[in-house]
């Protein structure tokens, strides 16, 4: 099983843009972008196991407070005691 505590893996990079938004990029998709105010999750249209892993790794490493899970092919995000359906390619969480 892939470790879930630190962002690492093939085709993955972390950087902070000029606007202060930290981004975890898998291939060419910023799967997690965050600052003090919000967290943006983006599948890029690929709800793959690796995309979900990178999101959960970022949450753990940067203490973002969310967890992405899957049940019967549907994705869900647990955040601040709520379970939110991940129905689209992106989901914004207000911190």
PDB file of N, CA and C in Angstrom:
ATOM      1  N   UNK A   1       0.841  -1.181   0.000  1.00  0.00           N
ATOM      2  CA  UNK A   1       0.000   0.000   0.000  1.00  0.00           C
ATOM      3  C   UNK A   1       0.887   1.246   0.000  1.00  0.00           C
ATOM      4  N   UNK A   2       0.484   2.248  -0.723  1.00  0.00           N
ATOM      5  CA  UNK A   2       1.214   3.490  -0.817  1.00  0.00           C
ATOM      6  C   UNK A   2       1.112   4.262   0.482  1.00  0.00           C
ATOM      7  N   UNK A   3       2.239   4.852   0.892  1.00  0.00           N
ATOM      8  CA  UNK A   3       2.206   5.651   2.119  1.00  0.00           C
ATOM      9  C   UNK A   3       1.353   6.900   1.895  1.00  0.00           C
ATOM     10  N   UNK A   4       0.726   7.373   2.958  1.00  0.00           N
ATOM     11  CA  UNK A   4      -0.244   8.466   2.856  1.00  0.00           C
ATOM     12  C   UNK A   4       0.197   9.730   3.588  1.00  0.00           C
ATOM     13  N   UNK A   5       1.443   9.803   4.075  1.00  0.00           N
ATOM     14  CA  UNK A   5       1.819  10.874   4.984  1.00  0.00           C
ATOM     15  C   UNK A   5       2.600  12.012   4.351  1.00  0.00           C
ATOM     16  N   UNK A   6       3.193  11.770   3.207  1.00  0.00           N
ATOM     17  CA  UNK A   6       4.028  12.779   2.568  1.00  0.00           C
ATOM     18  C   UNK A   6       3.833  12.706   1.062  1.00  0.00           C
ATOM     19  N   UNK A   7       3.761  13.868   0.431  1.00  0.00           N
ATOM     20  CA  UNK A   7       3.586  13.905  -1.022  1.00  0.00           C
ATOM     21  C   UNK A   7       4.880  13.445  -1.676  1.00  0.00           C
ATOM     22  N   UNK A   8       4.775  12.388  -2.426  1.00  0.00           N
ATOM     23  CA  UNK A   8       5.905  11.927  -3.217  1.00  0.00           C
ATOM     24  C   UNK A   8       5.392  10.923  -4.234  1.00  0.00           C
ATOM     25  N   UNK A   9       6.162  10.748  -5.253  1.00  0.00           N
ATOM     26  CA  UNK A   9       5.780   9.810  -6.288  1.00  0.00           C
ATOM     27  C   UNK A   9       6.139  10.350  -7.650  1.00  0.00           C
ATOM     28  N   UNK A  10       5.931   9.546  -8.620  1.00  0.00           N
ATOM     29  CA  UNK A  10       6.254   9.904  -9.995  1.00  0.00           C
ATOM     30  C   UNK A  10       5.356  11.028 -10.489  1.00  0.00           C
ATOM     31  N   UNK A  11       5.920  11.852 -11.337  1.00  0.00           N
ATOM     32  CA  UNK A  11       5.170  12.928 -12.012  1.00  0.00           C
ATOM     33  C   UNK A  11       4.490  13.881 -11.042  1.00  0.00           C
ATOM     34  N   UNK A  12       5.099  14.122  -9.869  1.00  0.00           N
ATOM     35  CA  UNK A  12       4.503  14.957  -8.837  1.00  0.00           C
ATOM     36  C   UNK A  12       5.465  16.073  -8.453  1.00  0.00           C
ATOM     37  N   UNK A  13       4.931  17.283  -8.298  1.00  0.00           N
ATOM     38  CA  UNK A  13       5.729  18.436  -7.886  1.00  0.00           C
ATOM     39  C   UNK A  13       4.925  19.292  -6.924  1.00  0.00           C
ATOM     40  N   UNK A  14       5.644  20.048  -6.090  1.00  0.00           N
ATOM     41  CA  UNK A  14       5.024  20.987  -5.160  1.00  0.00           C
ATOM     42  C   UNK A  14       5.697  22.334  -5.356  1.00  0.00           C
ATOM     43  N   UNK A  15       4.887  23.382  -5.457  1.00  0.00           N
ATOM     44  CA  UNK A  15       5.450  24.732  -5.553  1.00  0.00           C
ATOM     45  C   UNK A  15       4.427  25.744  -5.076  1.00  0.00           C
ATOM     46  N   UNK A  16       4.888  26.946  -4.802  1.00  0.00           N
ATOM     47  CA  UNK A  16       4.013  28.054  -4.425  1.00  0.00           C
ATOM     48  C   UNK A  16       4.075  29.083  -5.536  1.00  0.00           C
ATOM     49  N   UNK A  17       2.896  29.490  -6.031  1.00  0.00           N
ATOM     50  CA  UNK A  17       2.861  30.447  -7.141  1.00  0.00           C
ATOM     51  C   UNK A  17       3.019  31.881  -6.628  1.00  0.00           C
ATOM     52  N   UNK A  18       3.022  32.838  -7.535  1.00  0.00           N
ATOM     53  CA  UNK A  18       3.228  34.245  -7.195  1.00  0.00           C
ATOM     54  C   UNK A  18       2.128  34.821  -6.318  1.00  0.00           C
ATOM     55  N   UNK A  19       0.949  34.195  -6.318  1.00  0.00           N
ATOM     56  CA  UNK A  19      -0.169  34.661  -5.498  1.00  0.00           C
ATOM     57  C   UNK A  19      -0.194  34.013  -4.111  1.00  0.00           C
ATOM     58  N   UNK A  20       0.814  33.198  -3.785  1.00  0.00           N
ATOM     59  CA  UNK A  20       0.883  32.552  -2.485  1.00  0.00           C
ATOM     60  C   UNK A  20       0.069  31.281  -2.369  1.00  0.00           C
ATOM     61  N   UNK A  21      -0.378  30.742  -3.494  1.00  0.00           N
ATOM     62  CA  UNK A  21      -1.142  29.494  -3.506  1.00  0.00           C
ATOM     63  C   UNK A  21      -0.157  28.329  -3.665  1.00  0.00           C
ATOM     64  N   UNK A  22      -0.124  27.446  -2.671  1.00  0.00           N
ATOM     65  CA  UNK A  22       0.721  26.261  -2.760  1.00  0.00           C
ATOM     66  C   UNK A  22      -0.021  25.216  -3.570  1.00  0.00           C
ATOM     67  N   UNK A  23       0.693  24.575  -4.490  1.00  0.00           N
ATOM     68  CA  UNK A  23       0.062  23.604  -5.388  1.00  0.00           C
ATOM     69  C   UNK A  23       0.823  22.282  -5.373  1.00  0.00           C
ATOM     70  N   UNK A  24       0.046  21.210  -5.310  1.00  0.00           N
ATOM     71  CA  UNK A  24       0.562  19.863  -5.492  1.00  0.00           C
ATOM     72  C   UNK A  24       0.094  19.442  -6.877  1.00  0.00           C
ATOM     73  N   UNK A  25       1.051  19.252  -7.778  1.00  0.00           N
ATOM     74  CA  UNK A  25       0.734  18.970  -9.176  1.00  0.00           C
ATOM     75  C   UNK A  25       1.081  17.518  -9.484  1.00  0.00           C
ATOM     76  N   UNK A  26       0.113  16.806 -10.016  1.00  0.00           N
ATOM     77  CA  UNK A  26       0.319  15.432 -10.475  1.00  0.00           C
ATOM     78  C   UNK A  26       0.123  15.436 -11.982  1.00  0.00           C
ATOM     79  N   UNK A  27       1.136  15.032 -12.702  1.00  0.00           N
ATOM     80  CA  UNK A  27       1.225  15.236 -14.152  1.00  0.00           C
ATOM     81  C   UNK A  27       1.062  16.734 -14.390  1.00  0.00           C
ATOM     82  N   UNK A  28       0.088  17.193 -15.090  1.00  0.00           N
ATOM     83  CA  UNK A  28      -0.064  18.637 -15.313  1.00  0.00           C
ATOM     84  C   UNK A  28      -1.257  19.221 -14.565  1.00  0.00           C
ATOM     85  N   UNK A  29      -1.833  18.463 -13.641  1.00  0.00           N
ATOM     86  CA  UNK A  29      -3.030  18.904 -12.920  1.00  0.00           C
ATOM     87  C   UNK A  29      -2.684  19.304 -11.491  1.00  0.00           C
ATOM     88  N   UNK A  30      -3.036  20.530 -11.079  1.00  0.00           N
ATOM     89  CA  UNK A  30      -2.870  20.906  -9.671  1.00  0.00           C
ATOM     90  C   UNK A  30      -3.973  20.225  -8.849  1.00  0.00           C
ATOM     91  N   UNK A  31      -3.687  19.017  -8.353  1.00  0.00           N
ATOM     92  CA  UNK A  31      -4.716  18.234  -7.669  1.00  0.00           C
ATOM     93  C   UNK A  31      -5.113  18.839  -6.325  1.00  0.00           C
ATOM     94  N   UNK A  32      -4.185  19.566  -5.685  1.00  0.00           N
ATOM     95  CA  UNK A  32      -4.489  20.296  -4.452  1.00  0.00           C
ATOM     96  C   UNK A  32      -3.822  21.662  -4.546  1.00  0.00           C
ATOM     97  N   UNK A  33      -4.606  22.705  -4.331  1.00  0.00           N
ATOM     98  CA  UNK A  33      -4.086  24.072  -4.242  1.00  0.00           C
ATOM     99  C   UNK A  33      -4.639  24.655  -2.947  1.00  0.00           C
ATOM    100  N   UNK A  34      -3.789  25.358  -2.201  1.00  0.00           N
ATOM    101  CA  UNK A  34      -4.285  25.876  -0.926  1.00  0.00           C
ATOM    102  C   UNK A  34      -3.525  27.119  -0.483  1.00  0.00           C
ATOM    103  N   UNK A  35      -4.226  27.899   0.346  1.00  0.00           N
ATOM    104  CA  UNK A  35      -3.637  29.004   1.075  1.00  0.00           C
ATOM    105  C   UNK A  35      -4.320  29.043   2.439  1.00  0.00           C
ATOM    106  N   UNK A  36      -4.217  30.146   3.152  1.00  0.00           N
ATOM    107  CA  UNK A  36      -4.813  30.236   4.491  1.00  0.00           C
ATOM    108  C   UNK A  36      -6.335  30.187   4.464  1.00  0.00           C
ATOM    109  N   UNK A  37      -6.936  30.576   3.336  1.00  0.00           N
ATOM    110  CA  UNK A  37      -8.394  30.717   3.261  1.00  0.00           C
ATOM    111  C   UNK A  37      -9.139  29.533   2.676  1.00  0.00           C
ATOM    112  N   UNK A  38      -8.502  28.809   1.769  1.00  0.00           N
ATOM    113  CA  UNK A  38      -9.244  27.759   1.068  1.00  0.00           C
ATOM    114  C   UNK A  38      -8.316  26.642   0.580  1.00  0.00           C
ATOM    115  N   UNK A  39      -8.967  25.527   0.279  1.00  0.00           N
ATOM    116  CA  UNK A  39      -8.308  24.376  -0.340  1.00  0.00           C
ATOM    117  C   UNK A  39      -9.114  24.040  -1.584  1.00  0.00           C
ATOM    118  N   UNK A  40      -8.440  23.886  -2.705  1.00  0.00           N
ATOM    119  CA  UNK A  40      -9.113  23.520  -3.956  1.00  0.00           C
ATOM    120  C   UNK A  40      -8.612  22.144  -4.371  1.00  0.00           C
ATOM    121  N   UNK A  41      -9.552  21.210  -4.502  1.00  0.00           N
ATOM    122  CA  UNK A  41      -9.243  19.866  -4.977  1.00  0.00           C
ATOM    123  C   UNK A  41      -9.662  19.781  -6.435  1.00  0.00           C
ATOM    124  N   UNK A  42      -8.806  19.203  -7.271  1.00  0.00           N
ATOM    125  CA  UNK A  42      -9.059  19.158  -8.706  1.00  0.00           C
ATOM    126  C   UNK A  42      -8.620  17.803  -9.258  1.00  0.00           C
ATOM    127  N   UNK A  43      -9.568  17.042  -9.776  1.00  0.00           N
ATOM    128  CA  UNK A  43      -9.227  15.730 -10.344  1.00  0.00           C
ATOM    129  C   UNK A  43      -8.675  15.849 -11.754  1.00  0.00           C
ATOM    130  N   UNK A  44      -8.930  16.966 -12.409  1.00  0.00           N
ATOM    131  CA  UNK A  44      -8.539  17.093 -13.808  1.00  0.00           C
ATOM    132  C   UNK A  44      -9.293  16.111 -14.688  1.00  0.00           C
ATOM    133  N   UNK A  45     -10.410  15.597 -14.170  1.00  0.00           N
ATOM    134  CA  UNK A  45     -11.183  14.614 -14.913  1.00  0.00           C
ATOM    135  C   UNK A  45     -10.720  13.182 -14.692  1.00  0.00           C
ATOM    136  N   UNK A  46      -9.708  13.000 -13.840  1.00  0.00           N
ATOM    137  CA  UNK A  46      -9.142  11.670 -13.588  1.00  0.00           C
ATOM    138  C   UNK A  46      -9.376  11.277 -12.141  1.00  0.00           C
ATOM    139  N   UNK A  47     -10.457  10.586 -11.876  1.00  0.00           N
ATOM    140  CA  UNK A  47     -10.697  10.095 -10.520  1.00  0.00           C
ATOM    141  C   UNK A  47      -9.992   8.751 -10.360  1.00  0.00           C
ATOM    142  N   UNK A  48      -8.666   8.833 -10.344  1.00  0.00           N
ATOM    143  CA  UNK A  48      -7.853   7.621 -10.242  1.00  0.00           C
ATOM    144  C   UNK A  48      -7.381   7.412  -8.806  1.00  0.00           C
ATOM    145  N   UNK A  49      -6.925   6.222  -8.532  1.00  0.00           N
ATOM    146  CA  UNK A  49      -6.395   5.914  -7.203  1.00  0.00           C
ATOM    147  C   UNK A  49      -5.196   6.800  -6.885  1.00  0.00           C
ATOM    148  N   UNK A  50      -4.359   7.081  -7.867  1.00  0.00           N
ATOM    149  CA  UNK A  50      -3.175   7.910  -7.623  1.00  0.00           C
ATOM    150  C   UNK A  50      -3.560   9.356  -7.363  1.00  0.00           C
ATOM    151  N   UNK A  51      -4.552   9.879  -8.074  1.00  0.00           N
ATOM    152  CA  UNK A  51      -5.022  11.244  -7.807  1.00  0.00           C
ATOM    153  C   UNK A  51      -5.517  11.347  -6.370  1.00  0.00           C
ATOM    154  N   UNK A  52      -6.299  10.388  -5.943  1.00  0.00           N
ATOM    155  CA  UNK A  52      -6.827  10.370  -4.575  1.00  0.00           C
ATOM    156  C   UNK A  52      -5.683  10.263  -3.562  1.00  0.00           C
ATOM    157  N   UNK A  53      -4.696   9.429  -3.856  1.00  0.00           N
ATOM    158  CA  UNK A  53      -3.539   9.287  -2.975  1.00  0.00           C
ATOM    159  C   UNK A  53      -2.789  10.604  -2.833  1.00  0.00           C
ATOM    160  N   UNK A  54      -2.528  11.303  -3.946  1.00  0.00           N
ATOM    161  CA  UNK A  54      -1.813  12.586  -3.876  1.00  0.00           C
ATOM    162  C   UNK A  54      -2.602  13.602  -3.054  1.00  0.00           C
ATOM    163  N   UNK A  55      -3.915  13.616  -3.201  1.00  0.00           N
ATOM    164  CA  UNK A  55      -4.744  14.529  -2.408  1.00  0.00           C
ATOM    165  C   UNK A  55      -4.608  14.218  -0.922  1.00  0.00           C
ATOM    166  N   UNK A  56      -4.713  12.951  -0.557  1.00  0.00           N
ATOM    167  CA  UNK A  56      -4.620  12.568   0.853  1.00  0.00           C
ATOM    168  C   UNK A  56      -3.218  12.782   1.409  1.00  0.00           C
ATOM    169  N   UNK A  57      -2.198  12.557   0.594  1.00  0.00           N
ATOM    170  CA  UNK A  57      -0.827  12.833   1.025  1.00  0.00           C
ATOM    171  C   UNK A  57      -0.665  14.317   1.336  1.00  0.00           C
ATOM    172  N   UNK A  58      -1.189  15.185   0.461  1.00  0.00           N
ATOM    173  CA  UNK A  58      -1.088  16.627   0.671  1.00  0.00           C
ATOM    174  C   UNK A  58      -1.818  17.043   1.953  1.00  0.00           C
ATOM    175  N   UNK A  59      -2.999  16.486   2.179  1.00  0.00           N
ATOM    176  CA  UNK A  59      -3.752  16.814   3.381  1.00  0.00           C
ATOM    177  C   UNK A  59      -2.968  16.449   4.626  1.00  0.00           C
ATOM    178  N   UNK A  60      -2.349  15.291   4.617  1.00  0.00           N
ATOM    179  CA  UNK A  60      -1.563  14.844   5.762  1.00  0.00           C
ATOM    180  C   UNK A  60      -0.308  15.696   5.949  1.00  0.00           C
ATOM    181  N   UNK A  61       0.451  15.871   4.883  1.00  0.00           N
ATOM    182  CA  UNK A  61       1.722  16.587   4.974  1.00  0.00           C
ATOM    183  C   UNK A  61       1.545  18.047   5.390  1.00  0.00           C
ATOM    184  N   UNK A  62       0.527  18.707   4.855  1.00  0.00           N
ATOM    185  CA  UNK A  62       0.329  20.127   5.115  1.00  0.00           C
ATOM    186  C   UNK A  62      -0.779  20.401   6.133  1.00  0.00           C
ATOM    187  N   UNK A  63      -1.288  19.340   6.767  1.00  0.00           N
ATOM    188  CA  UNK A  63      -2.320  19.432   7.803  1.00  0.00           C
ATOM    189  C   UNK A  63      -3.519  20.260   7.328  1.00  0.00           C
ATOM    190  N   UNK A  64      -4.092  19.831   6.206  1.00  0.00           N
ATOM    191  CA  UNK A  64      -5.200  20.556   5.597  1.00  0.00           C
ATOM    192  C   UNK A  64      -6.559  20.107   6.118  1.00  0.00           C
ATOM    193  N   UNK A  65      -6.626  18.964   6.781  1.00  0.00           N
ATOM    194  CA  UNK A  65      -7.848  18.574   7.470  1.00  0.00           C
ATOM    195  C   UNK A  65      -8.919  17.889   6.649  1.00  0.00           C
ATOM    196  N   UNK A  66      -8.601  17.422   5.456  1.00  0.00           N
ATOM    197  CA  UNK A  66      -9.602  16.707   4.667  1.00  0.00           C
ATOM    198  C   UNK A  66      -9.128  15.295   4.389  1.00  0.00           C
ATOM    199  N   UNK A  67     -10.072  14.451   3.979  1.00  0.00           N
ATOM    200  CA  UNK A  67      -9.770  13.074   3.591  1.00  0.00           C
ATOM    201  C   UNK A  67     -10.664  12.720   2.419  1.00  0.00           C
ATOM    202  N   UNK A  68     -10.064  12.234   1.347  1.00  0.00           N
ATOM    203  CA  UNK A  68     -10.818  11.828   0.161  1.00  0.00           C
ATOM    204  C   UNK A  68     -10.984  10.316   0.203  1.00  0.00           C
ATOM    205  N   UNK A  69     -12.218   9.849   0.032  1.00  0.00           N
ATOM    206  CA  UNK A  69     -12.489   8.416   0.022  1.00  0.00           C
ATOM    207  C   UNK A  69     -13.419   8.095  -1.143  1.00  0.00           C
ATOM    208  N   UNK A  70     -13.616   6.808  -1.328  1.00  0.00           N
ATOM    209  CA  UNK A  70     -14.446   6.350  -2.447  1.00  0.00           C
ATOM    210  C   UNK A  70     -15.317   5.205  -1.979  1.00  0.00           C
ATOM    211  N   UNK A  71     -16.570   5.216  -2.443  1.00  0.00           N
ATOM    212  CA  UNK A  71     -17.486   4.113  -2.166  1.00  0.00           C
ATOM    213  C   UNK A  71     -18.364   3.927  -3.389  1.00  0.00           C
ATOM    214  N   UNK A  72     -18.422   2.722  -3.898  1.00  0.00           N
ATOM    215  CA  UNK A  72     -19.227   2.403  -5.086  1.00  0.00           C
ATOM    216  C   UNK A  72     -18.947   3.375  -6.234  1.00  0.00           C
ATOM    217  N   UNK A  73     -17.674   3.614  -6.484  1.00  0.00           N
ATOM    218  CA  UNK A  73     -17.186   4.470  -7.584  1.00  0.00           C
ATOM    219  C   UNK A  73     -17.421   5.959  -7.360  1.00  0.00           C
ATOM    220  N   UNK A  74     -18.077   6.354  -6.293  1.00  0.00           N
ATOM    221  CA  UNK A  74     -18.310   7.770  -6.004  1.00  0.00           C
ATOM    222  C   UNK A  74     -17.271   8.261  -5.006  1.00  0.00           C
ATOM    223  N   UNK A  75     -16.786   9.477  -5.234  1.00  0.00           N
ATOM    224  CA  UNK A  75     -15.803  10.085  -4.341  1.00  0.00           C
ATOM    225  C   UNK A  75     -16.501  10.977  -3.328  1.00  0.00           C
ATOM    226  N   UNK A  76     -15.926  11.016  -2.116  1.00  0.00           N
ATOM    227  CA  UNK A  76     -16.421  11.844  -1.021  1.00  0.00           C
ATOM    228  C   UNK A  76     -15.240  12.498  -0.324  1.00  0.00           C
ATOM    229  N   UNK A  77     -15.495  13.672   0.237  1.00  0.00           N
ATOM    230  CA  UNK A  77     -14.475  14.373   1.007  1.00  0.00           C
ATOM    231  C   UNK A  77     -15.021  14.604   2.408  1.00  0.00           C
ATOM    232  N   UNK A  78     -14.270  14.156   3.410  1.00  0.00           N
ATOM    233  CA  UNK A  78     -14.611  14.449   4.798  1.00  0.00           C
ATOM    234  C   UNK A  78     -13.814  15.684   5.202  1.00  0.00           C
ATOM    235  N   UNK A  79     -14.536  16.702   5.701  1.00  0.00           N
ATOM    236  CA  UNK A  79     -13.896  17.959   6.071  1.00  0.00           C
ATOM    237  C   UNK A  79     -14.737  18.640   7.140  1.00  0.00           C
ATOM    238  N   UNK A  80     -14.112  18.992   8.248  1.00  0.00           N
ATOM    239  CA  UNK A  80     -14.787  19.678   9.362  1.00  0.00           C
ATOM    240  C   UNK A  80     -16.048  18.943   9.812  1.00  0.00           C
ATOM    241  N   UNK A  81     -15.960  17.628   9.910  1.00  0.00           N
ATOM    242  CA  UNK A  81     -17.073  16.828  10.395  1.00  0.00           C
ATOM    243  C   UNK A  81     -18.179  16.558   9.392  1.00  0.00           C
ATOM    244  N   UNK A  82     -18.028  17.032   8.175  1.00  0.00           N
ATOM    245  CA  UNK A  82     -19.024  16.803   7.129  1.00  0.00           C
ATOM    246  C   UNK A  82     -18.473  15.867   6.068  1.00  0.00           C
ATOM    247  N   UNK A  83     -19.370  15.130   5.417  1.00  0.00           N
ATOM    248  CA  UNK A  83     -19.008  14.333   4.251  1.00  0.00           C
ATOM    249  C   UNK A  83     -19.645  14.989   3.043  1.00  0.00           C
ATOM    250  N   UNK A  84     -18.807  15.389   2.100  1.00  0.00           N
ATOM    251  CA  UNK A  84     -19.243  16.166   0.940  1.00  0.00           C
ATOM    252  C   UNK A  84     -19.042  15.328  -0.317  1.00  0.00           C
ATOM    253  N   UNK A  85     -20.068  15.147  -1.141  1.00  0.00           N
ATOM    254  CA  UNK A  85     -19.885  14.423  -2.406  1.00  0.00           C
ATOM    255  C   UNK A  85     -18.961  15.209  -3.334  1.00  0.00           C
ATOM    256  N   UNK A  86     -18.076  14.494  -3.990  1.00  0.00           N
ATOM    257  CA  UNK A  86     -17.159  15.104  -4.952  1.00  0.00           C
ATOM    258  C   UNK A  86     -17.746  14.836  -6.332  1.00  0.00           C
ATOM    259  N   UNK A  87     -18.750  15.647  -6.701  1.00  0.00           N
ATOM    260  CA  UNK A  87     -19.544  15.398  -7.898  1.00  0.00           C
ATOM    261  C   UNK A  87     -18.965  15.976  -9.178  1.00  0.00           C
ATOM    262  N   UNK A  88     -18.008  16.863  -9.075  1.00  0.00           N
ATOM    263  CA  UNK A  88     -17.470  17.540 -10.249  1.00  0.00           C
ATOM    264  C   UNK A  88     -15.959  17.325 -10.279  1.00  0.00           C
ATOM    265  N   UNK A  89     -15.275  17.976 -11.212  1.00  0.00           N
ATOM    266  CA  UNK A  89     -13.817  17.857 -11.276  1.00  0.00           C
ATOM    267  C   UNK A  89     -13.123  18.648 -10.180  1.00  0.00           C
ATOM    268  N   UNK A  90     -13.768  19.699  -9.659  1.00  0.00           N
ATOM    269  CA  UNK A  90     -13.154  20.502  -8.618  1.00  0.00           C
ATOM    270  C   UNK A  90     -14.097  20.663  -7.430  1.00  0.00           C
ATOM    271  N   UNK A  91     -13.482  20.871  -6.279  1.00  0.00           N
ATOM    272  CA  UNK A  91     -14.227  21.106  -5.047  1.00  0.00           C
ATOM    273  C   UNK A  91     -13.423  22.096  -4.224  1.00  0.00           C
ATOM    274  N   UNK A  92     -14.061  23.172  -3.796  1.00  0.00           N
ATOM    275  CA  UNK A  92     -13.393  24.185  -2.971  1.00  0.00           C
ATOM    276  C   UNK A  92     -13.872  24.075  -1.537  1.00  0.00           C
ATOM    277  N   UNK A  93     -12.928  24.018  -0.612  1.00  0.00           N
ATOM    278  CA  UNK A  93     -13.209  23.926   0.811  1.00  0.00           C
ATOM    279  C   UNK A  93     -12.745  25.218   1.469  1.00  0.00           C
ATOM    280  N   UNK A  94     -13.623  25.875   2.195  1.00  0.00           N
ATOM    281  CA  UNK A  94     -13.272  27.102   2.901  1.00  0.00           C
ATOM    282  C   UNK A  94     -12.677  26.729   4.254  1.00  0.00           C
ATOM    283  N   UNK A  95     -11.487  27.242   4.521  1.00  0.00           N
ATOM    284  CA  UNK A  95     -10.797  26.917   5.774  1.00  0.00           C
ATOM    285  C   UNK A  95     -11.262  27.852   6.836  1.00  0.00           C
TER     286      UNK A  95
END
